[in-house]
Amino acid sequence: MNEYINPSEDEKIIFVNIKNSYNCKDRSSELYRPSLYEATRKYWRLSLAKAQKATLLIGHVNGIVKEVIRPTNCYKSKELRYTQRVEFEGEEVFDSIFIGKSITNKVKIGQNPVNYLNIE
């Protein structure tokens, strides 16, 4: 049984499901990312206004936190095939208390790869 995350009410979190990139080892695939940071930070279909409110960006695989980023910038992608998607830049939080914990107590894991906590 996994331990659950317990963020403060002040944290505005975007959860992104990175399972496709996390599990992709084929460097020629469009899903391949060279790091957890790259898998977590880019090409998300979400509102830029909501993205700008986030204090944490959390990448998870099947509800288990793999990466935590404190965003410093977000913007519409300049990649031609992803122009309607959002990319983030920020600082990785390597020692985050959320790493390895389950998010299923806060959001429902389903088909939507993006979930919000404390962001309206």
C-alpha atoms as a PDB file:
ATOM      1  CA  MET A   1       0.000   0.000   0.000  1.00  0.00           C
ATOM      2  CA  ASN A   2       1.324   3.421  -0.946  1.00  0.00           C
ATOM      3  CA  GLU A   3       1.443   6.467   1.227  1.00  0.00           C
ATOM      4  CA  TYR A   4      -0.646   9.394  -0.022  1.00  0.00           C
ATOM      5  CA  ILE A   5       0.428  12.955  -0.724  1.00  0.00           C
ATOM      6  CA  ASN A   6      -0.825  15.604   1.672  1.00  0.00           C
ATOM      7  CA  PRO A   7      -0.181  19.037   0.123  1.00  0.00           C
ATOM      8  CA  SER A   8      -1.071  22.259   1.899  1.00  0.00           C
ATOM      9  CA  GLU A   9      -4.173  24.122   0.764  1.00  0.00           C
ATOM     10  CA  ASP A  10      -1.874  26.884  -0.531  1.00  0.00           C
ATOM     11  CA  GLU A  11      -0.273  24.593  -3.105  1.00  0.00           C
ATOM     12  CA  LYS A  12      -1.812  24.927  -6.545  1.00  0.00           C
ATOM     13  CA  ILE A  13      -0.923  21.721  -8.317  1.00  0.00           C
ATOM     14  CA  ILE A  14      -1.167  20.425 -11.853  1.00  0.00           C
ATOM     15  CA  PHE A  15      -0.812  16.656 -12.075  1.00  0.00           C
ATOM     16  CA  VAL A  16       0.289  15.234 -15.431  1.00  0.00           C
ATOM     17  CA  ASN A  17       0.292  11.563 -16.309  1.00  0.00           C
ATOM     18  CA  ILE A  18       3.698  10.856 -17.849  1.00  0.00           C
ATOM     19  CA  LYS A  19       3.260   7.082 -18.252  1.00  0.00           C
ATOM     20  CA  ASN A  20       3.566   7.109 -22.063  1.00  0.00           C
ATOM     21  CA  SER A  21       6.869   8.985 -22.060  1.00  0.00           C
ATOM     22  CA  TYR A  22       8.082   7.249 -18.890  1.00  0.00           C
ATOM     23  CA  ASN A  23       7.650   3.839 -20.487  1.00  0.00           C
ATOM     24  CA  CYS A  24       8.984   4.819 -23.942  1.00  0.00           C
ATOM     25  CA  LYS A  25      12.551   3.666 -24.577  1.00  0.00           C
ATOM     26  CA  ASP A  26      12.458   4.146 -28.380  1.00  0.00           C
ATOM     27  CA  ARG A  27      14.489   7.289 -29.082  1.00  0.00           C
ATOM     28  CA  SER A  28      12.815   7.685 -32.486  1.00  0.00           C
ATOM     29  CA  SER A  29       9.313   7.862 -30.963  1.00  0.00           C
ATOM     30  CA  GLU A  30       7.545  11.210 -30.516  1.00  0.00           C
ATOM     31  CA  LEU A  31       6.755  10.049 -26.957  1.00  0.00           C
ATOM     32  CA  TYR A  32      10.420   9.614 -25.992  1.00  0.00           C
ATOM     33  CA  ARG A  33      11.812  12.109 -23.460  1.00  0.00           C
ATOM     34  CA  PRO A  34      15.415  11.951 -22.223  1.00  0.00           C
ATOM     35  CA  SER A  35      14.523  12.691 -18.584  1.00  0.00           C
ATOM     36  CA  LEU A  36      11.686  12.847 -16.066  1.00  0.00           C
ATOM     37  CA  TYR A  37      11.947  16.627 -16.214  1.00  0.00           C
ATOM     38  CA  GLU A  38      11.356  16.672 -19.977  1.00  0.00           C
ATOM     39  CA  ALA A  39       8.523  14.136 -19.734  1.00  0.00           C
ATOM     40  CA  THR A  40       6.788  16.232 -17.085  1.00  0.00           C
ATOM     41  CA  ARG A  41       7.273  19.743 -18.416  1.00  0.00           C
ATOM     42  CA  LYS A  42       5.992  19.689 -21.959  1.00  0.00           C
ATOM     43  CA  TYR A  43       3.227  19.371 -24.479  1.00  0.00           C
ATOM     44  CA  TRP A  44       0.175  19.472 -22.240  1.00  0.00           C
ATOM     45  CA  ARG A  45      -3.252  20.365 -23.546  1.00  0.00           C
ATOM     46  CA  LEU A  46      -4.472  22.745 -20.856  1.00  0.00           C
ATOM     47  CA  SER A  47      -5.420  26.343 -20.239  1.00  0.00           C
ATOM     48  CA  LEU A  48      -2.456  28.708 -20.147  1.00  0.00           C
ATOM     49  CA  ALA A  49      -4.318  30.768 -17.532  1.00  0.00           C
ATOM     50  CA  LYS A  50      -4.580  27.725 -15.271  1.00  0.00           C
ATOM     51  CA  ALA A  51      -0.979  26.754 -15.971  1.00  0.00           C
ATOM     52  CA  GLN A  52       0.200  30.177 -14.819  1.00  0.00           C
ATOM     53  CA  LYS A  53      -1.458  29.642 -11.412  1.00  0.00           C
ATOM     54  CA  ALA A  54       0.417  26.428 -10.628  1.00  0.00           C
ATOM     55  CA  THR A  55       2.926  26.368  -7.783  1.00  0.00           C
ATOM     56  CA  LEU A  56       3.798  22.720  -8.476  1.00  0.00           C
ATOM     57  CA  LEU A  57       3.798  20.528 -11.567  1.00  0.00           C
ATOM     58  CA  ILE A  58       3.754  16.860 -10.633  1.00  0.00           C
ATOM     59  CA  GLY A  59       4.457  14.041 -13.080  1.00  0.00           C
ATOM     60  CA  HIS A  60       2.992  10.684 -12.129  1.00  0.00           C
ATOM     61  CA  VAL A  61       2.760   7.171 -13.496  1.00  0.00           C
ATOM     62  CA  ASN A  62      -0.428   5.319 -12.556  1.00  0.00           C
ATOM     63  CA  GLY A  63      -0.948   7.745  -9.683  1.00  0.00           C
ATOM     64  CA  ILE A  64       2.550   7.443  -8.194  1.00  0.00           C
ATOM     65  CA  VAL A  65       4.629  10.643  -8.162  1.00  0.00           C
ATOM     66  CA  LYS A  66       7.828  10.386 -10.195  1.00  0.00           C
ATOM     67  CA  GLU A  67       8.763  14.071 -10.696  1.00  0.00           C
ATOM     68  CA  VAL A  68       8.049  17.398  -8.996  1.00  0.00           C
ATOM     69  CA  ILE A  69       8.768  20.752 -10.649  1.00  0.00           C
ATOM     70  CA  ARG A  70       8.284  24.226  -9.191  1.00  0.00           C
ATOM     71  CA  PRO A  71       7.319  26.179 -12.348  1.00  0.00           C
ATOM     72  CA  THR A  72       9.026  29.489 -13.085  1.00  0.00           C
ATOM     73  CA  ASN A  73       7.534  29.945 -16.560  1.00  0.00           C
ATOM     74  CA  CYS A  74       4.897  28.465 -18.842  1.00  0.00           C
ATOM     75  CA  TYR A  75       3.995  29.270 -22.430  1.00  0.00           C
ATOM     76  CA  LYS A  76       2.336  27.960 -25.574  1.00  0.00           C
ATOM     77  CA  SER A  77       4.706  25.565 -27.321  1.00  0.00           C
ATOM     78  CA  LYS A  78       6.602  26.798 -30.349  1.00  0.00           C
ATOM     79  CA  GLU A  79       6.885  23.260 -31.745  1.00  0.00           C
ATOM     80  CA  LEU A  80       4.759  23.181 -34.915  1.00  0.00           C
ATOM     81  CA  ARG A  81       2.875  20.021 -34.037  1.00  0.00           C
ATOM     82  CA  TYR A  82       2.159  21.199 -30.466  1.00  0.00           C
ATOM     83  CA  THR A  83       1.293  24.887 -30.894  1.00  0.00           C
ATOM     84  CA  GLN A  84      -1.937  24.532 -28.927  1.00  0.00           C
ATOM     85  CA  ARG A  85      -0.178  22.882 -25.994  1.00  0.00           C
ATOM     86  CA  VAL A  86       1.622  24.271 -22.968  1.00  0.00           C
ATOM     87  CA  GLU A  87       5.228  23.832 -21.890  1.00  0.00           C
ATOM     88  CA  PHE A  88       6.640  24.585 -18.455  1.00  0.00           C
ATOM     89  CA  GLU A  89      10.089  25.561 -17.246  1.00  0.00           C
ATOM     90  CA  GLY A  90      11.116  25.374 -13.642  1.00  0.00           C
ATOM     91  CA  GLU A  91      13.191  23.908 -10.868  1.00  0.00           C
ATOM     92  CA  GLU A  92      13.144  20.206 -10.149  1.00  0.00           C
ATOM     93  CA  VAL A  93      12.396  19.449  -6.506  1.00  0.00           C
ATOM     94  CA  PHE A  94      14.551  16.371  -6.057  1.00  0.00           C
ATOM     95  CA  ASP A  95      13.916  16.109  -2.316  1.00  0.00           C
ATOM     96  CA  SER A  96      10.145  16.609  -2.526  1.00  0.00           C
ATOM     97  CA  ILE A  97       8.148  14.757   0.124  1.00  0.00           C
ATOM     98  CA  PHE A  98       5.714  13.785  -2.661  1.00  0.00           C
ATOM     99  CA  ILE A  99       8.138  11.588  -4.650  1.00  0.00           C
ATOM    100  CA  GLY A 100       6.995   7.961  -4.571  1.00  0.00           C
ATOM    101  CA  LYS A 101       3.629   8.748  -2.977  1.00  0.00           C
ATOM    102  CA  SER A 102       0.151   8.202  -4.391  1.00  0.00           C
ATOM    103  CA  ILE A 103      -2.021  11.076  -5.617  1.00  0.00           C
ATOM    104  CA  THR A 104      -5.217   9.009  -5.728  1.00  0.00           C
ATOM    105  CA  ASN A 105      -6.492  10.588  -2.508  1.00  0.00           C
ATOM    106  CA  LYS A 106      -6.579  13.983  -4.271  1.00  0.00           C
ATOM    107  CA  VAL A 107      -7.500  13.323  -7.907  1.00  0.00           C
ATOM    108  CA  LYS A 108      -9.218  10.649  -9.937  1.00  0.00           C
ATOM    109  CA  ILE A 109      -6.893   8.889 -12.353  1.00  0.00           C
ATOM    110  CA  GLY A 110      -8.633   8.322 -15.662  1.00  0.00           C
ATOM    111  CA  GLN A 111      -8.371   9.084 -19.352  1.00  0.00           C
ATOM    112  CA  ASN A 112      -7.563  12.767 -18.887  1.00  0.00           C
ATOM    113  CA  PRO A 113      -3.787  13.068 -18.472  1.00  0.00           C
ATOM    114  CA  VAL A 114      -4.081  16.452 -16.691  1.00  0.00           C
ATOM    115  CA  ASN A 115      -5.695  17.054 -13.299  1.00  0.00           C
ATOM    116  CA  TYR A 116      -5.798  20.124 -11.066  1.00  0.00           C
ATOM    117  CA  LEU A 117      -5.760  20.635  -7.317  1.00  0.00           C
ATOM    118  CA  ASN A 118      -6.681  24.020  -5.818  1.00  0.00           C
ATOM    119  CA  ILE A 119      -6.756  25.649  -9.280  1.00  0.00           C
ATOM    120  CA  GLU A 120     -10.009  27.045 -10.612  1.00  0.00           C
END
